[in-house]
Amino acid sequence: YQRRVHGLKPCEMKYNKAKDVHSIMHHVAKECRVNLESLYRVVAWPLYKKYGHAFDAFGIAFSEPEKILGPLGLPQDVEEKMLATIKHRHKAQPFRVRADIEVTCFKYEGIDAIREALKAGEKTAEGGKVAIIIRLLAAPTYTITANSVDRDEGLVAVEKAIEATKEVITAKGGTLKVVKAAAVVSNEDDINPKNDGDGDEEEEEEEEEEEEEDEEDEEEEEDKGKP
């Protein structure tokens, strides 16, 4: 039951994205007096195919409208109405950039050196548009995350944080290893993080136990039914 409940949130997010896309498409079709299905064929479906979801493409259209709407070949009035509607109804969704690193130091300063290095990584974002957050995942692994409406700015910010952390920990006699390079991730990745298989094994064990209990119950019912 718990596994089914945990799976609802990503589905709900996907549904809400689709609902927002439909709201924009319906409004533009109505205002421009064009067929809704035809508009989907020209706009939404190609964007779903190219960007994974039209919702994400609309988010990019905030800063790069020509990149998203330009190749679609829309009439000028439809393109203008589409962009205006996106800006009015669709809030810019920041890109989430994440990298995983391993930081160790077996010298005298030890954990203090690691703390200083991680603080140096976070300070690289001070005064900038992108905030850097470094959190412990499972010693000695840490995650570095940044949220930015500009994908490239987010990636650069995380890379700078890694370099600053590495510089300090190396000077202290420690080491930094990049486990997962900086990359754009979705919220679903954080909701359902991948593991090393331990969770899958536990789920399989639970399923086996449930199956055994069901079989025992069936045998008991059969015994009761015998004369």
Protein backbone atom coordinates (compact mmCIF):
# COMPACT_ATOMS: atom_id res chain seq x y z
CA TYR A 1 0.00 0.00 0.00
CA GLN A 2 2.81 2.41 0.91
CA ARG A 3 4.51 1.81 -2.44
CA ARG A 4 1.29 2.73 -4.26
CA VAL A 5 0.86 5.91 -2.18
CA HIS A 6 4.44 7.06 -2.78
CA GLY A 7 3.87 6.69 -6.51
CA LEU A 8 0.96 9.14 -6.51
CA LYS A 9 2.93 12.37 -6.19
CA PRO A 10 4.90 12.14 -9.47
CA CYS A 11 1.66 11.19 -11.27
CA GLU A 12 -0.12 14.15 -9.73
CA MET A 13 2.69 16.48 -10.83
CA LYS A 14 2.49 15.12 -14.37
CA TYR A 15 -1.28 15.60 -14.40
CA ASN A 16 -0.99 19.20 -13.18
CA LYS A 17 1.57 19.96 -15.89
CA ALA A 18 -0.76 18.60 -18.57
CA LYS A 19 -3.65 20.58 -17.13
CA ASP A 20 -1.66 23.83 -17.31
CA VAL A 21 -0.65 23.12 -20.89
CA HIS A 22 -4.26 22.44 -21.88
CA SER A 23 -5.41 25.65 -20.19
CA ILE A 24 -2.94 27.69 -22.26
CA MET A 25 -3.76 25.87 -25.49
CA HIS A 26 -7.52 26.20 -24.97
CA HIS A 27 -7.27 29.94 -24.24
CA VAL A 28 -5.12 30.65 -27.32
CA ALA A 29 -7.39 28.57 -29.59
CA LYS A 30 -10.44 30.43 -28.32
CA GLU A 31 -8.90 33.91 -28.58
CA CYS A 32 -7.43 33.32 -32.04
CA ARG A 33 -10.46 31.35 -33.26
CA VAL A 34 -8.46 28.32 -34.36
CA ASN A 35 -9.23 24.64 -33.99
CA LEU A 36 -7.88 23.31 -30.67
CA GLU A 37 -6.79 19.94 -32.05
CA SER A 38 -4.99 21.63 -34.94
CA LEU A 39 -3.18 23.89 -32.49
CA TYR A 40 -2.14 20.83 -30.48
CA ARG A 41 -0.74 19.24 -33.65
CA VAL A 42 1.32 22.32 -34.47
CA VAL A 43 2.42 23.40 -30.97
CA ALA A 44 1.95 21.02 -28.06
CA TRP A 45 2.66 17.63 -29.62
CA PRO A 46 5.96 18.68 -31.28
CA LEU A 47 7.07 20.25 -27.98
CA TYR A 48 6.17 17.09 -26.06
CA LYS A 49 8.26 15.09 -28.50
CA LYS A 50 11.28 17.41 -28.41
CA TYR A 51 11.35 18.47 -24.74
CA GLY A 52 9.62 15.60 -22.98
CA HIS A 53 6.74 17.84 -21.90
CA ALA A 54 5.22 20.97 -23.41
CA PHE A 55 5.08 22.43 -19.89
CA ASP A 56 8.89 22.40 -19.68
CA ALA A 57 9.16 23.92 -23.15
CA PHE A 58 6.83 26.76 -22.12
CA GLY A 59 9.16 27.41 -19.18
CA ILE A 60 12.08 27.91 -21.58
CA ALA A 61 9.93 30.21 -23.72
CA PHE A 62 10.13 32.84 -20.98
CA SER A 63 13.78 33.60 -21.72
CA GLU A 64 14.09 32.12 -25.23
CA PRO A 65 10.74 32.52 -27.03
CA GLU A 66 12.31 32.31 -30.49
CA LYS A 67 13.94 28.99 -29.64
CA ILE A 68 10.62 27.43 -28.64
CA LEU A 69 7.96 29.13 -30.76
CA GLY A 70 10.07 30.21 -33.76
CA PRO A 71 10.49 26.77 -35.38
CA LEU A 72 6.74 26.05 -35.11
CA GLY A 73 5.87 28.40 -37.98
CA LEU A 74 2.85 29.94 -36.28
CA PRO A 75 0.97 32.93 -37.72
CA GLN A 76 2.22 36.11 -36.04
CA ASP A 77 -1.03 36.78 -34.17
CA VAL A 78 -1.15 33.22 -32.80
CA GLU A 79 2.52 33.30 -31.78
CA GLU A 80 2.08 36.63 -29.99
CA LYS A 81 -1.03 35.42 -28.18
CA MET A 82 0.70 32.15 -27.28
CA LEU A 83 3.70 33.94 -25.76
CA ALA A 84 1.51 36.44 -23.89
CA THR A 85 -0.63 33.62 -22.48
CA ILE A 86 2.42 31.60 -21.43
CA LYS A 87 3.88 34.61 -19.59
CA HIS A 88 0.55 35.33 -17.93
CA ARG A 89 -0.47 31.81 -16.90
CA HIS A 90 2.72 29.84 -16.74
CA LYS A 91 5.24 30.68 -14.04
CA ALA A 92 8.86 30.20 -15.04
CA GLN A 93 10.00 26.85 -13.67
CA PRO A 94 13.61 26.87 -12.44
CA PHE A 95 15.96 24.16 -13.57
CA ARG A 96 17.28 21.99 -10.76
CA VAL A 97 20.96 21.13 -11.17
CA ARG A 98 22.59 18.50 -8.99
CA ALA A 99 25.99 16.88 -8.54
CA ASP A 100 27.12 14.23 -6.06
CA ILE A 101 30.60 14.35 -4.56
CA GLU A 102 32.64 12.38 -2.05
CA VAL A 103 34.76 14.48 0.33
CA THR A 104 37.23 12.86 2.73
CA CYS A 105 40.08 14.04 4.92
CA PHE A 106 42.11 11.75 7.20
CA LYS A 107 44.50 14.44 8.38
CA TYR A 108 44.48 16.10 11.82
CA GLU A 109 41.77 18.65 10.92
CA GLY A 110 39.52 15.91 9.57
CA ILE A 111 35.85 16.88 9.77
CA ASP A 112 36.71 20.55 10.35
CA ALA A 113 38.58 20.60 7.04
CA ILE A 114 35.57 19.06 5.29
CA ARG A 115 33.22 21.65 6.80
CA GLU A 116 35.48 24.49 5.72
CA ALA A 117 35.68 23.10 2.19
CA LEU A 118 31.90 22.71 1.90
CA LYS A 119 31.34 26.25 3.18
CA ALA A 120 33.77 27.49 0.53
CA GLY A 121 31.65 25.72 -2.08
CA GLU A 122 28.45 27.36 -0.88
CA LYS A 123 30.06 30.82 -0.70
CA THR A 124 30.76 30.77 -4.45
CA ALA A 125 27.11 31.67 -5.00
CA GLU A 126 27.03 34.64 -2.62
CA GLY A 127 25.83 37.79 -4.35
CA GLY A 128 24.79 35.85 -7.45
CA LYS A 129 21.44 34.85 -8.91
CA VAL A 130 21.89 31.14 -8.15
CA ALA A 131 21.91 29.76 -4.61
CA ILE A 132 24.05 26.72 -3.85
CA ILE A 133 23.00 24.16 -1.26
CA ILE A 134 25.32 21.37 -0.11
CA ARG A 135 23.85 18.57 1.99
CA LEU A 136 25.08 15.29 3.40
CA LEU A 137 23.60 12.33 1.55
CA ALA A 138 25.47 9.49 3.28
CA ALA A 139 29.03 9.97 4.49
CA PRO A 140 31.27 10.67 2.68
CA THR A 141 28.82 11.60 -0.11
CA TYR A 142 27.35 15.09 -0.40
CA THR A 143 24.89 16.59 -2.89
CA ILE A 144 25.37 20.02 -4.42
CA THR A 145 22.16 21.53 -5.80
CA ALA A 146 21.21 24.78 -7.48
CA ASN A 147 17.91 26.13 -8.81
CA SER A 148 18.04 28.54 -11.73
CA VAL A 149 15.71 29.67 -14.50
CA ASP A 150 18.78 29.55 -16.73
CA ARG A 151 20.01 26.00 -17.26
CA ASP A 152 23.58 26.97 -18.14
CA GLU A 153 23.90 29.33 -15.16
CA GLY A 154 22.85 26.52 -12.85
CA LEU A 155 25.39 24.11 -14.31
CA VAL A 156 28.20 26.69 -14.09
CA ALA A 157 27.29 27.53 -10.48
CA VAL A 158 27.49 23.88 -9.40
CA GLU A 159 30.80 23.39 -11.23
CA LYS A 160 32.25 26.44 -9.46
CA ALA A 161 31.12 25.08 -6.11
CA ILE A 162 32.82 21.76 -6.83
CA GLU A 163 36.08 23.48 -7.81
CA ALA A 164 36.07 25.71 -4.72
CA THR A 165 35.38 22.75 -2.44
CA LYS A 166 38.12 20.72 -4.11
CA GLU A 167 40.66 23.52 -3.81
CA VAL A 168 40.16 23.88 -0.05
CA ILE A 169 40.00 20.17 0.82
CA THR A 170 43.07 19.42 -1.29
CA ALA A 171 45.02 22.15 0.50
CA LYS A 172 44.02 20.51 3.79
CA GLY A 173 45.33 17.13 2.66
CA GLY A 174 41.95 15.65 1.80
CA THR A 175 40.35 14.49 -1.44
CA LEU A 176 37.24 15.20 -3.50
CA LYS A 177 35.78 12.73 -5.96
CA VAL A 178 32.91 13.58 -8.30
CA VAL A 179 30.44 10.69 -8.10
CA LYS A 180 27.83 12.23 -10.41
CA ALA A 181 28.71 15.20 -12.59
CA ALA A 182 26.50 18.30 -12.58
CA ALA A 183 23.30 17.65 -14.51
CA VAL A 184 19.73 18.89 -14.71
CA VAL A 185 17.39 16.70 -12.70
CA SER A 186 13.63 16.66 -12.19
CA ASN A 187 11.68 16.92 -8.95
CA GLU A 188 10.64 13.32 -9.46
CA ASP A 189 14.29 12.31 -9.13
CA ASP A 190 14.34 13.79 -5.64
CA ILE A 191 11.00 12.28 -4.71
CA ASN A 192 12.03 8.83 -5.92
CA PRO A 193 15.82 8.80 -5.59
CA LYS A 194 17.63 5.83 -7.12
CA ASN A 195 19.32 3.51 -4.67
CA ASP A 196 21.82 0.69 -4.85
CA GLY A 197 19.13 -1.94 -4.88
CA ASP A 198 18.57 -2.28 -1.14
CA GLY A 199 15.07 -0.83 -1.43
CA ASP A 200 14.19 -3.23 -4.24
CA GLU A 201 15.37 -6.19 -2.17
CA GLU A 202 13.25 -5.05 0.78
CA GLU A 203 10.21 -4.66 -1.48
CA GLU A 204 10.74 -8.14 -2.92
CA GLU A 205 11.00 -9.59 0.59
CA GLU A 206 7.77 -7.83 1.60
CA GLU A 207 5.99 -9.15 -1.49
CA GLU A 208 7.21 -12.70 -0.78
CA GLU A 209 5.99 -12.44 2.82
CA GLU A 210 2.59 -11.18 1.63
CA GLU A 211 2.33 -14.05 -0.88
CA GLU A 212 3.21 -16.60 1.82
CA GLU A 213 0.58 -15.13 4.15
CA ASP A 214 -2.05 -15.29 1.38
CA GLU A 215 -1.17 -18.93 0.68
CA GLU A 216 -1.45 -19.78 4.39
CA ASP A 217 -4.86 -18.09 4.57
CA GLU A 218 -6.07 -20.03 1.53
CA GLU A 219 -4.88 -23.34 3.04
CA GLU A 220 -6.68 -22.56 6.29
CA GLU A 221 -9.92 -21.80 4.41
CA GLU A 222 -9.59 -25.05 2.46
CA ASP A 223 -9.06 -27.01 5.70
CA LYS A 224 -12.14 -25.43 7.23
CA GLY A 225 -14.20 -26.40 4.22
CA LYS A 226 -13.22 -30.08 4.42
CA PRO A 227 -15.74 -32.39 6.20
